[in-house]
Amino acid sequence: MTGSRAGAPKSPESAPHKAEISLSEATVVIKPHDGNLRKGLAELVRYRAVFLNLMRREWQRQFVELQLGWLWVFARPLLMVAIFVMLKRGANASIYLHVPYPLFLYIGLIVWFVWVEAVSSVATSGRLNSALMSKVYFPRLYSPLSQAASSGIRLVIGLAPVVALLAYFGLAPGWQIVLLPVLMVQVVLLAFAVGVIFGILSIDNNDWNNARSLVLYIGLFVSPIAYPPDMIPEGFRALHMINPMVGIVEGFRSALMGGYAFPSMAWLVSLAGTVLLAVLAVTLFNRTEARMLDAL
């Protein structure tokens, strides 16, 4: 009788079967996309839940955690309307308008203030979300984009007093009201673009933060917020129109006040400038994304 030797190797058939897992199945390697637009958009769609969470967090920070969060949106514009109107009457200044000046002024101020706050939030979004970005992977573009998108909510809330002002002055919107959603998207897009550009520039040089504050401060006076564009001298109107906020602010006034002429040329120039700035912002962001966390 022939016996098997102790310790003899078992045949492959008698050895227990173990599932083989390849390295590609067990490990997920996260790499920045190669700039392919299709892959970049697919990544944004895949991580859309992160974007919604960032939006929800911003909503809680601005409105839920503050007892008067809704009031602060339009408190400052209403206060400035009252101050400007008193100064205008006290100085007997002549501003020729065929619409009520308080309504004209409030629309310009609320659009301007929401846009300015959105630009500042977008520019500092990298530092605000740096802790989260160092722990969790998601498309970094969602950090500034969520800040810009939340400004759209603030703008909707801020425009609520316009309804009361329209009723008080006996006015109603015209057909241009259909362009209001387009104008709101444009405000968000322009805030995103300008904020990202300043935010990237300030990574290596903090002087750009002061430059941003200066530009936004001067912008209040070079944009038609407290005065109509007709007050600009004829020779400077083409140069004035380069400011993207000219077409946006005048577009909002036309959309909300019936009979106010829509600024077709100024709005088209503004729209073209917004798109160009947005393309530039995304390009700069993609080039800086790899070293952004280290720089912050």
C-alpha atoms as a PDB file:
ATOM      1  CA  MET A   1       0.000   0.000   0.000  1.00  0.00           C
ATOM      2  CA  THR A   2       1.387   3.357  -0.964  1.00  0.00           C
ATOM      3  CA  GLY A   3       0.838   6.268   1.483  1.00  0.00           C
ATOM      4  CA  SER A   4       1.108   9.949   0.834  1.00  0.00           C
ATOM      5  CA  ARG A   5       3.995  11.784   2.404  1.00  0.00           C
ATOM      6  CA  ALA A   6       3.298  14.283   5.151  1.00  0.00           C
ATOM      7  CA  GLY A   7       3.765  17.842   4.010  1.00  0.00           C
ATOM      8  CA  ALA A   8       3.377  17.018   0.345  1.00  0.00           C
ATOM      9  CA  PRO A   9       2.069  19.963  -1.583  1.00  0.00           C
ATOM     10  CA  LYS A  10      -1.631  19.908  -2.275  1.00  0.00           C
ATOM     11  CA  SER A  11      -2.846  19.794  -5.798  1.00  0.00           C
ATOM     12  CA  PRO A  12      -4.385  22.939  -7.214  1.00  0.00           C
ATOM     13  CA  GLU A  13      -7.754  21.217  -7.310  1.00  0.00           C
ATOM     14  CA  SER A  14      -7.698  20.493  -3.550  1.00  0.00           C
ATOM     15  CA  ALA A  15      -6.542  23.997  -2.510  1.00  0.00           C
ATOM     16  CA  PRO A  16      -9.328  26.375  -1.430  1.00  0.00           C
ATOM     17  CA  HIS A  17     -10.281  28.818  -4.147  1.00  0.00           C
ATOM     18  CA  LYS A  18      -9.461  32.473  -3.447  1.00  0.00           C
ATOM     19  CA  ALA A  19     -10.876  35.271  -5.551  1.00  0.00           C
ATOM     20  CA  GLU A  20      -8.174  37.306  -7.160  1.00  0.00           C
ATOM     21  CA  ILE A  21      -8.656  41.094  -6.990  1.00  0.00           C
ATOM     22  CA  SER A  22      -6.626  43.147  -9.367  1.00  0.00           C
ATOM     23  CA  LEU A  23      -4.999  46.380  -8.248  1.00  0.00           C
ATOM     24  CA  SER A  24      -7.243  48.405 -10.523  1.00  0.00           C
ATOM     25  CA  GLU A  25     -10.323  46.978  -8.779  1.00  0.00           C
ATOM     26  CA  ALA A  26      -9.058  47.502  -5.250  1.00  0.00           C
ATOM     27  CA  THR A  27      -7.569  50.972  -5.588  1.00  0.00           C
ATOM     28  CA  VAL A  28      -9.143  54.198  -6.758  1.00  0.00           C
ATOM     29  CA  VAL A  29      -6.633  56.688  -8.078  1.00  0.00           C
ATOM     30  CA  ILE A  30      -7.811  60.301  -8.115  1.00  0.00           C
ATOM     31  CA  LYS A  31      -6.097  62.482 -10.663  1.00  0.00           C
ATOM     32  CA  PRO A  32      -6.904  65.942 -11.970  1.00  0.00           C
ATOM     33  CA  HIS A  33      -8.696  65.769 -15.294  1.00  0.00           C
ATOM     34  CA  ASP A  34      -6.630  66.487 -18.356  1.00  0.00           C
ATOM     35  CA  GLY A  35      -8.607  69.561 -19.364  1.00  0.00           C
ATOM     36  CA  ASN A  36     -11.044  67.608 -21.497  1.00  0.00           C
ATOM     37  CA  LEU A  37     -14.321  69.519 -21.402  1.00  0.00           C
ATOM     38  CA  ARG A  38     -16.430  66.377 -21.648  1.00  0.00           C
ATOM     39  CA  LYS A  39     -14.644  64.680 -18.739  1.00  0.00           C
ATOM     40  CA  GLY A  40     -14.782  67.860 -16.674  1.00  0.00           C
ATOM     41  CA  LEU A  41     -18.545  68.190 -17.136  1.00  0.00           C
ATOM     42  CA  ALA A  42     -19.032  64.508 -16.342  1.00  0.00           C
ATOM     43  CA  GLU A  43     -17.109  64.965 -13.098  1.00  0.00           C
ATOM     44  CA  LEU A  44     -19.252  67.953 -12.155  1.00  0.00           C
ATOM     45  CA  VAL A  45     -22.403  65.897 -12.712  1.00  0.00           C
ATOM     46  CA  ARG A  46     -21.025  62.937 -10.738  1.00  0.00           C
ATOM     47  CA  TYR A  47     -20.297  65.069  -7.661  1.00  0.00           C
ATOM     48  CA  ARG A  48     -23.407  67.254  -7.858  1.00  0.00           C
ATOM     49  CA  ALA A  49     -24.448  66.138  -4.346  1.00  0.00           C
ATOM     50  CA  VAL A  50     -21.374  67.928  -2.955  1.00  0.00           C
ATOM     51  CA  PHE A  51     -22.428  71.100  -4.735  1.00  0.00           C
ATOM     52  CA  LEU A  52     -25.907  70.881  -3.196  1.00  0.00           C
ATOM     53  CA  ASN A  53     -24.397  70.327   0.259  1.00  0.00           C
ATOM     54  CA  LEU A  54     -22.154  73.364  -0.149  1.00  0.00           C
ATOM     55  CA  MET A  55     -25.185  75.397  -1.197  1.00  0.00           C
ATOM     56  CA  ARG A  56     -27.140  74.135   1.810  1.00  0.00           C
ATOM     57  CA  ARG A  57     -24.296  75.044   4.167  1.00  0.00           C
ATOM     58  CA  GLU A  58     -24.118  78.549   2.708  1.00  0.00           C
ATOM     59  CA  TRP A  59     -27.886  78.914   3.058  1.00  0.00           C
ATOM     60  CA  GLN A  60     -27.677  77.962   6.735  1.00  0.00           C
ATOM     61  CA  ARG A  61     -24.780  80.344   7.335  1.00  0.00           C
ATOM     62  CA  GLN A  62     -26.559  83.321   5.783  1.00  0.00           C
ATOM     63  CA  PHE A  63     -30.179  82.793   6.792  1.00  0.00           C
ATOM     64  CA  VAL A  64     -30.683  79.993   9.339  1.00  0.00           C
ATOM     65  CA  GLU A  65     -27.941  80.894  11.818  1.00  0.00           C
ATOM     66  CA  LEU A  66     -28.937  84.598  11.795  1.00  0.00           C
ATOM     67  CA  GLN A  67     -32.277  85.570  13.277  1.00  0.00           C
ATOM     68  CA  LEU A  68     -32.553  88.545  10.940  1.00  0.00           C
ATOM     69  CA  GLY A  69     -30.773  86.903   8.012  1.00  0.00           C
ATOM     70  CA  TRP A  70     -33.507  87.743   5.515  1.00  0.00           C
ATOM     71  CA  LEU A  71     -33.735  91.338   6.690  1.00  0.00           C
ATOM     72  CA  TRP A  72     -30.031  92.070   6.173  1.00  0.00           C
ATOM     73  CA  VAL A  73     -30.352  91.362   2.451  1.00  0.00           C
ATOM     74  CA  PHE A  74     -32.412  94.455   1.702  1.00  0.00           C
ATOM     75  CA  ALA A  75     -31.834  96.558   4.853  1.00  0.00           C
ATOM     76  CA  ARG A  76     -28.733  98.283   3.486  1.00  0.00           C
ATOM     77  CA  PRO A  77     -30.192  99.095   0.024  1.00  0.00           C
ATOM     78  CA  LEU A  78     -33.383 100.489   1.591  1.00  0.00           C
ATOM     79  CA  LEU A  79     -31.363 102.617   4.017  1.00  0.00           C
ATOM     80  CA  MET A  80     -29.206 103.975   1.195  1.00  0.00           C
ATOM     81  CA  VAL A  81     -32.313 104.737  -0.874  1.00  0.00           C
ATOM     82  CA  ALA A  82     -33.617 106.841   1.978  1.00  0.00           C
ATOM     83  CA  ILE A  83     -30.278 108.678   2.318  1.00  0.00           C
ATOM     84  CA  PHE A  84     -29.903 109.309  -1.431  1.00  0.00           C
ATOM     85  CA  VAL A  85     -33.481 110.554  -1.754  1.00  0.00           C
ATOM     86  CA  MET A  86     -33.038 112.989   1.162  1.00  0.00           C
ATOM     87  CA  LEU A  87     -29.753 114.248  -0.265  1.00  0.00           C
ATOM     88  CA  LYS A  88     -31.323 114.698  -3.687  1.00  0.00           C
ATOM     89  CA  ARG A  89     -34.180 116.723  -2.260  1.00  0.00           C
ATOM     90  CA  GLY A  90     -31.947 118.692   0.093  1.00  0.00           C
ATOM     91  CA  ALA A  91     -29.502 119.622  -2.664  1.00  0.00           C
ATOM     92  CA  ASN A  92     -32.317 120.169  -5.169  1.00  0.00           C
ATOM     93  CA  ALA A  93     -30.390 117.977  -7.630  1.00  0.00           C
ATOM     94  CA  SER A  94     -31.921 117.427 -11.050  1.00  0.00           C
ATOM     95  CA  ILE A  95     -31.983 113.818 -12.268  1.00  0.00           C
ATOM     96  CA  TYR A  96     -34.413 113.529 -15.148  1.00  0.00           C
ATOM     97  CA  LEU A  97     -36.245 110.215 -15.100  1.00  0.00           C
ATOM     98  CA  HIS A  98     -39.643 109.069 -16.279  1.00  0.00           C
ATOM     99  CA  VAL A  99     -39.792 106.495 -13.482  1.00  0.00           C
ATOM    100  CA  PRO A 100     -39.814 107.082  -9.700  1.00  0.00           C
ATOM    101  CA  TYR A 101     -36.293 107.713  -8.420  1.00  0.00           C
ATOM    102  CA  PRO A 102     -36.615 105.545  -5.255  1.00  0.00           C
ATOM    103  CA  LEU A 103     -37.594 102.523  -7.354  1.00  0.00           C
ATOM    104  CA  PHE A 104     -34.908 103.269  -9.933  1.00  0.00           C
ATOM    105  CA  LEU A 105     -32.336 103.578  -7.146  1.00  0.00           C
ATOM    106  CA  TYR A 106     -33.354 100.499  -5.169  1.00  0.00           C
ATOM    107  CA  ILE A 107     -33.142  98.167  -8.165  1.00  0.00           C
ATOM    108  CA  GLY A 108     -29.638  99.399  -8.940  1.00  0.00           C
ATOM    109  CA  LEU A 109     -28.478  99.143  -5.327  1.00  0.00           C
ATOM    110  CA  ILE A 110     -29.792  95.646  -4.624  1.00  0.00           C
ATOM    111  CA  VAL A 111     -28.255  94.247  -7.811  1.00  0.00           C
ATOM    112  CA  TRP A 112     -24.955  95.974  -7.059  1.00  0.00           C
ATOM    113  CA  PHE A 113     -24.720  94.943  -3.392  1.00  0.00           C
ATOM    114  CA  VAL A 114     -25.619  91.313  -4.073  1.00  0.00           C
ATOM    115  CA  TRP A 115     -23.044  91.170  -6.865  1.00  0.00           C
ATOM    116  CA  VAL A 116     -20.299  92.791  -4.764  1.00  0.00           C
ATOM    117  CA  GLU A 117     -20.876  90.415  -1.847  1.00  0.00           C
ATOM    118  CA  ALA A 118     -20.880  87.469  -4.242  1.00  0.00           C
ATOM    119  CA  VAL A 119     -17.553  88.551  -5.784  1.00  0.00           C
ATOM    120  CA  SER A 120     -15.963  88.796  -2.326  1.00  0.00           C
ATOM    121  CA  SER A 121     -17.375  85.411  -1.264  1.00  0.00           C
ATOM    122  CA  VAL A 122     -16.137  83.717  -4.426  1.00  0.00           C
ATOM    123  CA  ALA A 123     -12.689  85.287  -4.105  1.00  0.00           C
ATOM    124  CA  THR A 124     -12.279  83.947  -0.549  1.00  0.00           C
ATOM    125  CA  SER A 125     -14.028  80.600  -1.099  1.00  0.00           C
ATOM    126  CA  GLY A 126     -10.716  78.726  -1.369  1.00  0.00           C
ATOM    127  CA  ARG A 127      -9.697  79.680   2.149  1.00  0.00           C
ATOM    128  CA  LEU A 128     -13.235  79.129   3.444  1.00  0.00           C
ATOM    129  CA  ASN A 129     -13.351  75.542   2.145  1.00  0.00           C
ATOM    130  CA  SER A 130      -9.637  74.694   2.421  1.00  0.00           C
ATOM    131  CA  ALA A 131     -10.169  72.345   5.385  1.00  0.00           C
ATOM    132  CA  LEU A 132     -12.887  70.452   3.529  1.00  0.00           C
ATOM    133  CA  MET A 133     -10.879  70.271   0.303  1.00  0.00           C
ATOM    134  CA  SER A 134      -7.901  68.804   2.154  1.00  0.00           C
ATOM    135  CA  LYS A 135     -10.026  65.906   3.480  1.00  0.00           C
ATOM    136  CA  VAL A 136     -12.638  65.180   0.824  1.00  0.00           C
ATOM    137  CA  TYR A 137     -12.244  65.018  -2.916  1.00  0.00           C
ATOM    138  CA  PHE A 138     -14.734  66.870  -5.099  1.00  0.00           C
ATOM    139  CA  PRO A 139     -14.368  69.129  -8.126  1.00  0.00           C
ATOM    140  CA  ARG A 140     -12.631  72.198  -6.738  1.00  0.00           C
ATOM    141  CA  LEU A 141     -14.654  74.395  -9.077  1.00  0.00           C
ATOM    142  CA  TYR A 142     -17.674  73.714  -6.872  1.00  0.00           C
ATOM    143  CA  SER A 143     -16.138  75.792  -4.074  1.00  0.00           C
ATOM    144  CA  PRO A 144     -16.417  79.190  -5.843  1.00  0.00           C
ATOM    145  CA  LEU A 145     -19.418  78.089  -7.893  1.00  0.00           C
ATOM    146  CA  SER A 146     -21.508  77.342  -4.798  1.00  0.00           C
ATOM    147  CA  GLN A 147     -20.719  80.784  -3.388  1.00  0.00           C
ATOM    148  CA  ALA A 148     -21.765  82.469  -6.622  1.00  0.00           C
ATOM    149  CA  ALA A 149     -24.933  80.392  -6.960  1.00  0.00           C
ATOM    150  CA  SER A 150     -26.028  81.237  -3.418  1.00  0.00           C
ATOM    151  CA  SER A 151     -26.013  84.912  -4.423  1.00  0.00           C
ATOM    152  CA  GLY A 152     -28.907  84.115  -6.754  1.00  0.00           C
ATOM    153  CA  ILE A 153     -31.011  83.262  -3.694  1.00  0.00           C
ATOM    154  CA  ARG A 154     -30.012  86.533  -2.051  1.00  0.00           C
ATOM    155  CA  LEU A 155     -30.986  88.410  -5.194  1.00  0.00           C
ATOM    156  CA  VAL A 156     -34.450  86.821  -5.274  1.00  0.00           C
ATOM    157  CA  ILE A 157     -34.994  87.800  -1.632  1.00  0.00           C
ATOM    158  CA  GLY A 158     -33.610  91.288  -2.227  1.00  0.00           C
ATOM    159  CA  LEU A 159     -35.986  91.930  -5.117  1.00  0.00           C
ATOM    160  CA  ALA A 160     -39.053  91.254  -2.943  1.00  0.00           C
ATOM    161  CA  PRO A 161     -39.480  94.930  -1.910  1.00  0.00           C
ATOM    162  CA  VAL A 162     -39.651  95.838  -5.607  1.00  0.00           C
ATOM    163  CA  VAL A 163     -43.131  94.297  -5.708  1.00  0.00           C
ATOM    164  CA  ALA A 164     -44.285  96.649  -2.943  1.00  0.00           C
ATOM    165  CA  LEU A 165     -42.615  99.647  -4.585  1.00  0.00           C
ATOM    166  CA  LEU A 166     -44.239  98.850  -7.943  1.00  0.00           C
ATOM    167  CA  ALA A 167     -47.638  98.663  -6.271  1.00  0.00           C
ATOM    168  CA  TYR A 168     -47.040 101.918  -4.381  1.00  0.00           C
ATOM    169  CA  PHE A 169     -46.072 103.846  -7.521  1.00  0.00           C
ATOM    170  CA  GLY A 170     -48.737 102.175  -9.657  1.00  0.00           C
ATOM    171  CA  LEU A 171     -46.317 100.512 -12.069  1.00  0.00           C
ATOM    172  CA  ALA A 172     -46.115  97.026 -13.548  1.00  0.00           C
ATOM    173  CA  PRO A 173     -43.403  95.099 -15.416  1.00  0.00           C
ATOM    174  CA  GLY A 174     -43.500  94.984 -19.200  1.00  0.00           C
ATOM    175  CA  TRP A 175     -42.673  92.158 -21.614  1.00  0.00           C
ATOM    176  CA  GLN A 176     -39.007  92.457 -20.631  1.00  0.00           C
ATOM    177  CA  ILE A 177     -39.837  90.555 -17.426  1.00  0.00           C
ATOM    178  CA  VAL A 178     -39.200  87.342 -19.402  1.00  0.00           C
ATOM    179  CA  LEU A 179     -35.502  88.296 -19.470  1.00  0.00           C
ATOM    180  CA  LEU A 180     -35.263  88.479 -15.681  1.00  0.00           C
ATOM    181  CA  PRO A 181     -34.065  84.854 -15.225  1.00  0.00           C
ATOM    182  CA  VAL A 182     -31.382  85.404 -17.879  1.00  0.00           C
ATOM    183  CA  LEU A 183     -30.190  88.552 -16.122  1.00  0.00           C
ATOM    184  CA  MET A 184     -30.059  86.744 -12.774  1.00  0.00           C
ATOM    185  CA  VAL A 185     -27.945  83.956 -14.242  1.00  0.00           C
ATOM    186  CA  GLN A 186     -25.672  86.583 -15.778  1.00  0.00           C
ATOM    187  CA  VAL A 187     -25.173  88.269 -12.376  1.00  0.00           C
ATOM    188  CA  VAL A 188     -24.175  84.927 -10.865  1.00  0.00           C
ATOM    189  CA  LEU A 189     -21.844  84.112 -13.750  1.00  0.00           C
ATOM    190  CA  LEU A 190     -20.155  87.522 -13.674  1.00  0.00           C
ATOM    191  CA  ALA A 191     -19.679  87.337  -9.894  1.00  0.00           C
ATOM    192  CA  PHE A 192     -18.156  83.879 -10.297  1.00  0.00           C
ATOM    193  CA  ALA A 193     -15.783  85.056 -13.035  1.00  0.00           C
ATOM    194  CA  VAL A 194     -14.556  88.230 -11.333  1.00  0.00           C
ATOM    195  CA  GLY A 195     -14.298  86.524  -7.936  1.00  0.00           C
ATOM    196  CA  VAL A 196     -12.288  83.577  -9.285  1.00  0.00           C
ATOM    197  CA  ILE A 197      -9.872  85.855 -11.141  1.00  0.00           C
ATOM    198  CA  PHE A 198      -9.200  87.972  -8.046  1.00  0.00           C
ATOM    199  CA  GLY A 199      -9.029  84.872  -5.848  1.00  0.00           C
ATOM    200  CA  ILE A 200      -6.380  83.252  -8.040  1.00  0.00           C
ATOM    201  CA  LEU A 201      -4.348  86.450  -8.273  1.00  0.00           C
ATOM    202  CA  SER A 202      -4.397  86.808  -4.477  1.00  0.00           C
ATOM    203  CA  ILE A 203      -2.939  83.313  -3.922  1.00  0.00           C
ATOM    204  CA  ASP A 204       0.582  84.561  -4.563  1.00  0.00           C
ATOM    205  CA  ASN A 205       0.079  88.216  -3.644  1.00  0.00           C
ATOM    206  CA  ASN A 206      -2.357  89.436  -0.969  1.00  0.00           C
ATOM    207  CA  ASP A 207      -2.228  92.939  -2.436  1.00  0.00           C
ATOM    208  CA  TRP A 208      -4.858  91.751  -4.888  1.00  0.00           C
ATOM    209  CA  ASN A 209      -7.366  91.556  -2.019  1.00  0.00           C
ATOM    210  CA  ASN A 210      -6.932  95.294  -1.472  1.00  0.00           C
ATOM    211  CA  ALA A 211      -7.123  95.845  -5.227  1.00  0.00           C
ATOM    212  CA  ARG A 212     -10.424  93.949  -5.308  1.00  0.00           C
ATOM    213  CA  SER A 213     -11.884  96.115  -2.552  1.00  0.00           C
ATOM    214  CA  LEU A 214     -10.762  99.269  -4.371  1.00  0.00           C
ATOM    215  CA  VAL A 215     -12.212  98.166  -7.725  1.00  0.00           C
ATOM    216  CA  LEU A 216     -15.558  97.266  -6.152  1.00  0.00           C
ATOM    217  CA  TYR A 217     -15.677 100.558  -4.248  1.00  0.00           C
ATOM    218  CA  ILE A 218     -14.963 102.638  -7.356  1.00  0.00           C
ATOM    219  CA  GLY A 219     -17.378 100.510  -9.364  1.00  0.00           C
ATOM    220  CA  LEU A 220     -20.301 101.867  -7.357  1.00  0.00           C
ATOM    221  CA  PHE A 221     -19.634 105.319  -8.808  1.00  0.00           C
ATOM    222  CA  VAL A 222     -18.730 104.351 -12.379  1.00  0.00           C
ATOM    223  CA  SER A 223     -21.783 102.110 -12.711  1.00  0.00           C
ATOM    224  CA  PRO A 224     -25.252 103.633 -13.271  1.00  0.00           C
ATOM    225  CA  ILE A 225     -26.496 102.876  -9.762  1.00  0.00           C
ATOM    226  CA  ALA A 226     -27.579 106.322  -8.528  1.00  0.00           C
ATOM    227  CA  TYR A 227     -27.801 108.015 -11.921  1.00  0.00           C
ATOM    228  CA  PRO A 228     -29.010 107.083 -15.423  1.00  0.00           C
ATOM    229  CA  PRO A 229     -26.459 106.387 -18.186  1.00  0.00           C
ATOM    230  CA  ASP A 230     -27.783 109.430 -20.068  1.00  0.00           C
ATOM    231  CA  MET A 231     -25.875 111.626 -17.627  1.00  0.00           C
ATOM    232  CA  ILE A 232     -22.575 110.281 -18.970  1.00  0.00           C
ATOM    233  CA  PRO A 233     -21.073 112.678 -21.574  1.00  0.00           C
ATOM    234  CA  GLU A 234     -21.661 111.517 -25.131  1.00  0.00           C
ATOM    235  CA  GLY A 235     -17.962 110.992 -25.842  1.00  0.00           C
ATOM    236  CA  PHE A 236     -17.532 108.625 -22.884  1.00  0.00           C
ATOM    237  CA  ARG A 237     -20.651 106.469 -23.256  1.00  0.00           C
ATOM    238  CA  ALA A 238     -18.973 103.834 -25.421  1.00  0.00           C
ATOM    239  CA  LEU A 239     -16.181 103.497 -22.849  1.00  0.00           C
ATOM    240  CA  HIS A 240     -18.721 103.441 -20.023  1.00  0.00           C
ATOM    241  CA  MET A 241     -20.570 100.608 -21.741  1.00  0.00           C
ATOM    242  CA  ILE A 242     -17.524  98.327 -21.426  1.00  0.00           C
ATOM    243  CA  ASN A 243     -18.381  97.986 -17.745  1.00  0.00           C
ATOM    244  CA  PRO A 244     -20.453  94.740 -17.683  1.00  0.00           C
ATOM    245  CA  MET A 245     -22.600  96.012 -14.815  1.00  0.00           C
ATOM    246  CA  VAL A 246     -23.991  98.810 -16.988  1.00  0.00           C
ATOM    247  CA  GLY A 247     -25.975  96.436 -19.187  1.00  0.00           C
ATOM    248  CA  ILE A 248     -26.961  94.229 -16.237  1.00  0.00           C
ATOM    249  CA  VAL A 249     -28.276  97.007 -13.975  1.00  0.00           C
ATOM    250  CA  GLU A 250     -30.135  98.731 -16.801  1.00  0.00           C
ATOM    251  CA  GLY A 251     -31.466  95.360 -17.919  1.00  0.00           C
ATOM    252  CA  PHE A 252     -32.921  94.706 -14.453  1.00  0.00           C
ATOM    253  CA  ARG A 253     -34.601  98.107 -14.451  1.00  0.00           C
ATOM    254  CA  SER A 254     -36.140  97.471 -17.840  1.00  0.00           C
ATOM    255  CA  ALA A 255     -37.305  93.991 -16.810  1.00  0.00           C
ATOM    256  CA  LEU A 256     -38.962  95.225 -13.620  1.00  0.00           C
ATOM    257  CA  MET A 257     -40.323  98.640 -14.640  1.00  0.00           C
ATOM    258  CA  GLY A 258     -42.721  98.755 -17.561  1.00  0.00           C
ATOM    259  CA  GLY A 259     -41.888 101.458 -20.077  1.00  0.00           C
ATOM    260  CA  TYR A 260     -38.196 101.559 -19.215  1.00  0.00           C
ATOM    261  CA  ALA A 261     -36.302 100.999 -22.472  1.00  0.00           C
ATOM    262  CA  PHE A 262     -34.258  97.840 -22.656  1.00  0.00           C
ATOM    263  CA  PRO A 263     -30.531  98.603 -23.204  1.00  0.00           C
ATOM    264  CA  SER A 264     -30.008  96.234 -26.122  1.00  0.00           C
ATOM    265  CA  MET A 265     -26.493  97.308 -27.108  1.00  0.00           C
ATOM    266  CA  ALA A 266     -25.225  97.728 -23.536  1.00  0.00           C
ATOM    267  CA  TRP A 267     -26.629  94.329 -22.572  1.00  0.00           C
ATOM    268  CA  LEU A 268     -25.073  92.534 -25.540  1.00  0.00           C
ATOM    269  CA  VAL A 269     -21.691  94.081 -24.702  1.00  0.00           C
ATOM    270  CA  SER A 270     -22.192  93.079 -21.075  1.00  0.00           C
ATOM    271  CA  LEU A 271     -23.151  89.526 -22.025  1.00  0.00           C
ATOM    272  CA  ALA A 272     -20.110  89.128 -24.267  1.00  0.00           C
ATOM    273  CA  GLY A 273     -17.837  90.480 -21.530  1.00  0.00           C
ATOM    274  CA  THR A 274     -19.380  88.128 -18.958  1.00  0.00           C
ATOM    275  CA  VAL A 275     -18.800  85.071 -21.137  1.00  0.00           C
ATOM    276  CA  LEU A 276     -15.196  86.067 -21.901  1.00  0.00           C
ATOM    277  CA  LEU A 277     -14.445  86.666 -18.222  1.00  0.00           C
ATOM    278  CA  ALA A 278     -16.028  83.336 -17.287  1.00  0.00           C
ATOM    279  CA  VAL A 279     -13.897  81.459 -19.829  1.00  0.00           C
ATOM    280  CA  LEU A 280     -10.790  83.233 -18.554  1.00  0.00           C
ATOM    281  CA  ALA A 281     -11.702  82.433 -14.942  1.00  0.00           C
ATOM    282  CA  VAL A 282     -12.212  78.713 -15.600  1.00  0.00           C
ATOM    283  CA  THR A 283      -8.958  78.537 -17.585  1.00  0.00           C
ATOM    284  CA  LEU A 284      -6.983  80.189 -14.787  1.00  0.00           C
ATOM    285  CA  PHE A 285      -8.676  78.018 -12.188  1.00  0.00           C
ATOM    286  CA  ASN A 286      -7.781  74.789 -14.000  1.00  0.00           C
ATOM    287  CA  ARG A 287      -4.145  75.883 -14.299  1.00  0.00           C
ATOM    288  CA  THR A 288      -3.934  76.774 -10.608  1.00  0.00           C
ATOM    289  CA  GLU A 289      -6.012  73.936  -9.168  1.00  0.00           C
ATOM    290  CA  ALA A 290      -3.088  71.538  -8.648  1.00  0.00           C
ATOM    291  CA  ARG A 291      -1.174  73.885  -6.329  1.00  0.00           C
ATOM    292  CA  MET A 292      -4.133  75.698  -4.818  1.00  0.00           C
ATOM    293  CA  LEU A 293      -4.262  73.856  -1.470  1.00  0.00           C
ATOM    294  CA  ASP A 294      -0.517  74.155  -0.906  1.00  0.00           C
ATOM    295  CA  ALA A 295      -0.638  77.881  -1.639  1.00  0.00           C
ATOM    296  CA  LEU A 296      -3.580  78.435   0.696  1.00  0.00           C
END
